Amino acid sequence: MDRPIDSGTYRKVVGRFATGVAIVTTRVADVDHAMTVNSFTSVSLDPLLVLFCAEKVSRFHDAVLEAGAWGVSVLPASMEEASRFFSHRGRPLNGQLAKWAHHRGDSHVALFDEALATVECVTKAVYDGGDHSIVVGQVTALATPGDGPPLLYHDGRYNTF
């Protein structure tokens, strides 16, 4: 049976899958770019690969493809405000990281000090994913700077356990 599925129903159904929340960062011409994602996952142990998805119309999409290096900060529940902030389009780039403690990783991307885990990557492949690109990165550095319960997203809301 070929019934059309509307995007609202699709979002509601896939939103039942609980995900962690992360912020992906990159740097182009000394300008930091950041975006909240819940589409981050491990891909391979040999080589070490991870992926995230970026909407093609976002300015982050073009920045991360240009930069070729990026970082992931897996968020604790205490960073819900940061997650909300970095999920909004059109915010000013200058000073956007100032409110949250962060440091530069080996690849000079911003990584959040309170993150439960950080992963630095170089882009190995980019695949078409409809209105998103699937960005696959080879892991170049790892750390576990913070502790505490993770920030989760489920059924259209932030949660933790």
C-alpha atoms as a PDB file:
ATOM      1  CA  MET A   1       0.000   0.000   0.000  1.00  0.00           C
ATOM      2  CA  ASP A   2       1.607   3.284  -1.148  1.00  0.00           C
ATOM      3  CA  ARG A   3       0.170   5.969   1.090  1.00  0.00           C
ATOM      4  CA  PRO A   4       2.022   9.262   1.258  1.00  0.00           C
ATOM      5  CA  ILE A   5       3.631  10.011   4.608  1.00  0.00           C
ATOM      6  CA  ASP A   6       3.667  13.644   5.664  1.00  0.00           C
ATOM      7  CA  SER A   7       6.759  15.125   7.294  1.00  0.00           C
ATOM      8  CA  GLY A   8       4.932  15.935  10.545  1.00  0.00           C
ATOM      9  CA  THR A   9       3.951  12.304  11.078  1.00  0.00           C
ATOM     10  CA  TYR A  10       7.470  11.203  10.165  1.00  0.00           C
ATOM     11  CA  ARG A  11       9.025  13.583  12.721  1.00  0.00           C
ATOM     12  CA  LYS A  12       6.612  12.399  15.419  1.00  0.00           C
ATOM     13  CA  VAL A  13       7.379   8.730  14.797  1.00  0.00           C
ATOM     14  CA  VAL A  14      11.183   9.007  14.567  1.00  0.00           C
ATOM     15  CA  GLY A  15      11.101  11.387  17.548  1.00  0.00           C
ATOM     16  CA  ARG A  16      10.166   8.375  19.673  1.00  0.00           C
ATOM     17  CA  PHE A  17      13.765   7.198  19.307  1.00  0.00           C
ATOM     18  CA  ALA A  18      15.665   8.735  22.233  1.00  0.00           C
ATOM     19  CA  THR A  19      18.951  10.323  21.183  1.00  0.00           C
ATOM     20  CA  GLY A  20      21.852  11.994  22.846  1.00  0.00           C
ATOM     21  CA  VAL A  21      22.513  15.646  22.094  1.00  0.00           C
ATOM     22  CA  ALA A  22      25.811  17.108  20.899  1.00  0.00           C
ATOM     23  CA  ILE A  23      27.187  20.318  19.501  1.00  0.00           C
ATOM     24  CA  VAL A  24      29.377  20.058  16.418  1.00  0.00           C
ATOM     25  CA  THR A  25      31.897  22.859  15.901  1.00  0.00           C
ATOM     26  CA  THR A  26      34.212  23.914  13.122  1.00  0.00           C
ATOM     27  CA  ARG A  27      36.370  26.929  12.306  1.00  0.00           C
ATOM     28  CA  VAL A  28      36.779  28.772   9.003  1.00  0.00           C
ATOM     29  CA  ALA A  29      38.988  31.852   8.592  1.00  0.00           C
ATOM     30  CA  ASP A  30      39.212  32.318  12.384  1.00  0.00           C
ATOM     31  CA  VAL A  31      35.409  32.269  12.726  1.00  0.00           C
ATOM     32  CA  ASP A  32      33.771  29.623  14.903  1.00  0.00           C
ATOM     33  CA  HIS A  33      30.676  27.808  13.672  1.00  0.00           C
ATOM     34  CA  ALA A  34      28.535  25.553  15.865  1.00  0.00           C
ATOM     35  CA  MET A  35      25.348  23.535  15.520  1.00  0.00           C
ATOM     36  CA  THR A  36      23.294  21.324  17.838  1.00  0.00           C
ATOM     37  CA  VAL A  37      22.801  17.788  16.513  1.00  0.00           C
ATOM     38  CA  ASN A  38      21.117  14.621  17.642  1.00  0.00           C
ATOM     39  CA  SER A  39      22.222  12.776  14.517  1.00  0.00           C
ATOM     40  CA  PHE A  40      25.684  11.777  15.713  1.00  0.00           C
ATOM     41  CA  THR A  41      26.823   8.169  15.779  1.00  0.00           C
ATOM     42  CA  SER A  42      29.794   5.863  15.749  1.00  0.00           C
ATOM     43  CA  VAL A  43      30.346   4.173  12.375  1.00  0.00           C
ATOM     44  CA  SER A  44      33.503   2.056  12.487  1.00  0.00           C
ATOM     45  CA  LEU A  45      36.260   0.850  14.800  1.00  0.00           C
ATOM     46  CA  ASP A  46      38.779   0.247  12.006  1.00  0.00           C
ATOM     47  CA  PRO A  47      39.305   2.960  10.986  1.00  0.00           C
ATOM     48  CA  LEU A  48      37.724   5.032  13.765  1.00  0.00           C
ATOM     49  CA  LEU A  49      34.798   6.797  12.052  1.00  0.00           C
ATOM     50  CA  VAL A  50      31.803   8.789  13.260  1.00  0.00           C
ATOM     51  CA  LEU A  51      29.091  10.710  11.431  1.00  0.00           C
ATOM     52  CA  PHE A  52      26.617  13.517  11.863  1.00  0.00           C
ATOM     53  CA  CYS A  53      24.023  15.017   9.543  1.00  0.00           C
ATOM     54  CA  ALA A  54      23.863  18.694   8.528  1.00  0.00           C
ATOM     55  CA  GLU A  55      20.968  20.370   6.788  1.00  0.00           C
ATOM     56  CA  LYS A  56      22.139  21.547   3.373  1.00  0.00           C
ATOM     57  CA  VAL A  57      20.603  25.029   3.679  1.00  0.00           C
ATOM     58  CA  SER A  58      22.326  25.801   6.995  1.00  0.00           C
ATOM     59  CA  ARG A  59      25.409  28.022   7.038  1.00  0.00           C
ATOM     60  CA  PHE A  60      27.080  25.366   9.208  1.00  0.00           C
ATOM     61  CA  HIS A  61      26.826  22.900   6.321  1.00  0.00           C
ATOM     62  CA  ASP A  62      28.995  24.986   4.024  1.00  0.00           C
ATOM     63  CA  ALA A  63      31.410  25.903   6.824  1.00  0.00           C
ATOM     64  CA  VAL A  64      32.065  22.311   7.895  1.00  0.00           C
ATOM     65  CA  LEU A  65      32.582  21.175   4.303  1.00  0.00           C
ATOM     66  CA  GLU A  66      35.036  24.016   3.707  1.00  0.00           C
ATOM     67  CA  ALA A  67      36.929  23.476   6.970  1.00  0.00           C
ATOM     68  CA  GLY A  68      37.435  19.728   6.643  1.00  0.00           C
ATOM     69  CA  ALA A  69      37.947  19.410  10.422  1.00  0.00           C
ATOM     70  CA  TRP A  70      35.328  19.449  13.153  1.00  0.00           C
ATOM     71  CA  GLY A  71      34.684  18.629  16.772  1.00  0.00           C
ATOM     72  CA  VAL A  72      31.819  17.042  18.658  1.00  0.00           C
ATOM     73  CA  SER A  73      30.954  17.857  22.263  1.00  0.00           C
ATOM     74  CA  VAL A  74      28.508  15.340  23.772  1.00  0.00           C
ATOM     75  CA  LEU A  75      26.333  17.348  26.136  1.00  0.00           C
ATOM     76  CA  PRO A  76      25.487  16.748  29.780  1.00  0.00           C
ATOM     77  CA  ALA A  77      22.009  17.672  31.050  1.00  0.00           C
ATOM     78  CA  SER A  78      23.487  20.866  32.515  1.00  0.00           C
ATOM     79  CA  MET A  79      24.092  22.207  28.979  1.00  0.00           C
ATOM     80  CA  GLU A  80      20.473  22.245  27.772  1.00  0.00           C
ATOM     81  CA  GLU A  81      20.616  26.037  27.384  1.00  0.00           C
ATOM     82  CA  ALA A  82      23.633  25.722  25.066  1.00  0.00           C
ATOM     83  CA  SER A  83      21.839  23.067  23.043  1.00  0.00           C
ATOM     84  CA  ARG A  84      18.846  25.337  22.581  1.00  0.00           C
ATOM     85  CA  PHE A  85      21.042  28.311  21.678  1.00  0.00           C
ATOM     86  CA  PHE A  86      23.067  26.474  19.031  1.00  0.00           C
ATOM     87  CA  SER A  87      19.922  25.003  17.458  1.00  0.00           C
ATOM     88  CA  HIS A  88      18.621  28.453  16.440  1.00  0.00           C
ATOM     89  CA  ARG A  89      19.292  29.743  12.938  1.00  0.00           C
ATOM     90  CA  GLY A  90      20.665  33.184  12.192  1.00  0.00           C
ATOM     91  CA  ARG A  91      22.356  33.912  15.495  1.00  0.00           C
ATOM     92  CA  PRO A  92      25.463  36.133  15.277  1.00  0.00           C
ATOM     93  CA  LEU A  93      28.685  34.182  14.825  1.00  0.00           C
ATOM     94  CA  ASN A  94      30.907  36.645  16.686  1.00  0.00           C
ATOM     95  CA  GLY A  95      31.033  35.865  20.379  1.00  0.00           C
ATOM     96  CA  GLN A  96      28.562  32.999  20.196  1.00  0.00           C
ATOM     97  CA  LEU A  97      30.789  30.713  22.275  1.00  0.00           C
ATOM     98  CA  ALA A  98      31.569  33.296  24.970  1.00  0.00           C
ATOM     99  CA  LYS A  99      28.860  32.176  27.403  1.00  0.00           C
ATOM    100  CA  TRP A 100      30.151  28.599  27.654  1.00  0.00           C
ATOM    101  CA  ALA A 101      33.588  27.502  28.832  1.00  0.00           C
ATOM    102  CA  HIS A 102      35.485  25.931  25.975  1.00  0.00           C
ATOM    103  CA  HIS A 103      38.976  25.251  24.746  1.00  0.00           C
ATOM    104  CA  ARG A 104      40.670  24.597  21.420  1.00  0.00           C
ATOM    105  CA  GLY A 105      41.356  21.023  20.452  1.00  0.00           C
ATOM    106  CA  ASP A 106      44.316  19.770  18.443  1.00  0.00           C
ATOM    107  CA  SER A 107      42.502  20.818  15.258  1.00  0.00           C
ATOM    108  CA  HIS A 108      41.786  24.303  16.706  1.00  0.00           C
ATOM    109  CA  VAL A 109      38.020  23.703  16.833  1.00  0.00           C
ATOM    110  CA  ALA A 110      36.109  24.714  19.951  1.00  0.00           C
ATOM    111  CA  LEU A 111      35.285  21.936  22.414  1.00  0.00           C
ATOM    112  CA  PHE A 112      33.084  22.528  25.461  1.00  0.00           C
ATOM    113  CA  ASP A 113      34.779  22.062  28.828  1.00  0.00           C
ATOM    114  CA  GLU A 114      31.683  20.505  30.460  1.00  0.00           C
ATOM    115  CA  ALA A 115      31.114  17.992  27.647  1.00  0.00           C
ATOM    116  CA  LEU A 116      30.752  14.366  28.662  1.00  0.00           C
ATOM    117  CA  ALA A 117      32.932  13.442  25.701  1.00  0.00           C
ATOM    118  CA  THR A 118      34.700  15.247  22.882  1.00  0.00           C
ATOM    119  CA  VAL A 119      35.688  13.866  19.509  1.00  0.00           C
ATOM    120  CA  GLU A 120      37.810  15.638  16.899  1.00  0.00           C
ATOM    121  CA  CYS A 121      37.619  14.564  13.269  1.00  0.00           C
ATOM    122  CA  VAL A 122      38.741  15.214   9.742  1.00  0.00           C
ATOM    123  CA  THR A 123      36.136  14.736   7.041  1.00  0.00           C
ATOM    124  CA  LYS A 124      36.602  11.479   5.128  1.00  0.00           C
ATOM    125  CA  ALA A 125      33.380  11.407   3.084  1.00  0.00           C
ATOM    126  CA  VAL A 126      30.163  13.321   2.525  1.00  0.00           C
ATOM    127  CA  TYR A 127      27.046  11.549   1.278  1.00  0.00           C
ATOM    128  CA  ASP A 128      23.759  12.867  -0.004  1.00  0.00           C
ATOM    129  CA  GLY A 129      20.990  12.412   2.528  1.00  0.00           C
ATOM    130  CA  GLY A 130      18.059  14.225   0.922  1.00  0.00           C
ATOM    131  CA  ASP A 131      17.836  17.695   2.457  1.00  0.00           C
ATOM    132  CA  HIS A 132      20.848  16.843   4.663  1.00  0.00           C
ATOM    133  CA  SER A 133      24.412  15.748   4.044  1.00  0.00           C
ATOM    134  CA  ILE A 134      25.825  12.794   5.941  1.00  0.00           C
ATOM    135  CA  VAL A 135      29.303  13.885   7.038  1.00  0.00           C
ATOM    136  CA  VAL A 136      31.666  11.042   7.955  1.00  0.00           C
ATOM    137  CA  GLY A 137      34.802  11.871   9.884  1.00  0.00           C
ATOM    138  CA  GLN A 138      37.918   9.994  10.891  1.00  0.00           C
ATOM    139  CA  VAL A 139      38.602  10.448  14.588  1.00  0.00           C
ATOM    140  CA  THR A 140      41.857  12.281  15.363  1.00  0.00           C
ATOM    141  CA  ALA A 141      41.439  12.952  19.101  1.00  0.00           C
ATOM    142  CA  LEU A 142      39.168  11.893  21.974  1.00  0.00           C
ATOM    143  CA  ALA A 143      38.558  13.035  25.546  1.00  0.00           C
ATOM    144  CA  THR A 144      36.093  12.674  28.433  1.00  0.00           C
ATOM    145  CA  PRO A 145      36.341  16.055  30.194  1.00  0.00           C
ATOM    146  CA  GLY A 146      33.033  16.141  32.103  1.00  0.00           C
ATOM    147  CA  ASP A 147      30.707  13.917  34.078  1.00  0.00           C
ATOM    148  CA  GLY A 148      27.036  13.736  34.970  1.00  0.00           C
ATOM    149  CA  PRO A 149      23.802  12.648  33.368  1.00  0.00           C
ATOM    150  CA  PRO A 150      23.559  13.028  29.572  1.00  0.00           C
ATOM    151  CA  LEU A 151      21.227  15.417  27.800  1.00  0.00           C
ATOM    152  CA  LEU A 152      18.680  13.403  25.826  1.00  0.00           C
ATOM    153  CA  TYR A 153      16.038  14.296  23.266  1.00  0.00           C
ATOM    154  CA  HIS A 154      12.854  12.262  23.036  1.00  0.00           C
ATOM    155  CA  ASP A 155       9.345  12.918  21.768  1.00  0.00           C
ATOM    156  CA  GLY A 156      10.079  16.575  21.008  1.00  0.00           C
ATOM    157  CA  ARG A 157      11.477  17.353  24.466  1.00  0.00           C
ATOM    158  CA  TYR A 158      14.770  17.440  26.320  1.00  0.00           C
ATOM    159  CA  ASN A 159      15.148  14.723  28.939  1.00  0.00           C
ATOM    160  CA  THR A 160      17.740  13.006  31.084  1.00  0.00           C
ATOM    161  CA  PHE A 161      17.895   9.954  33.299  1.00  0.00           C
END
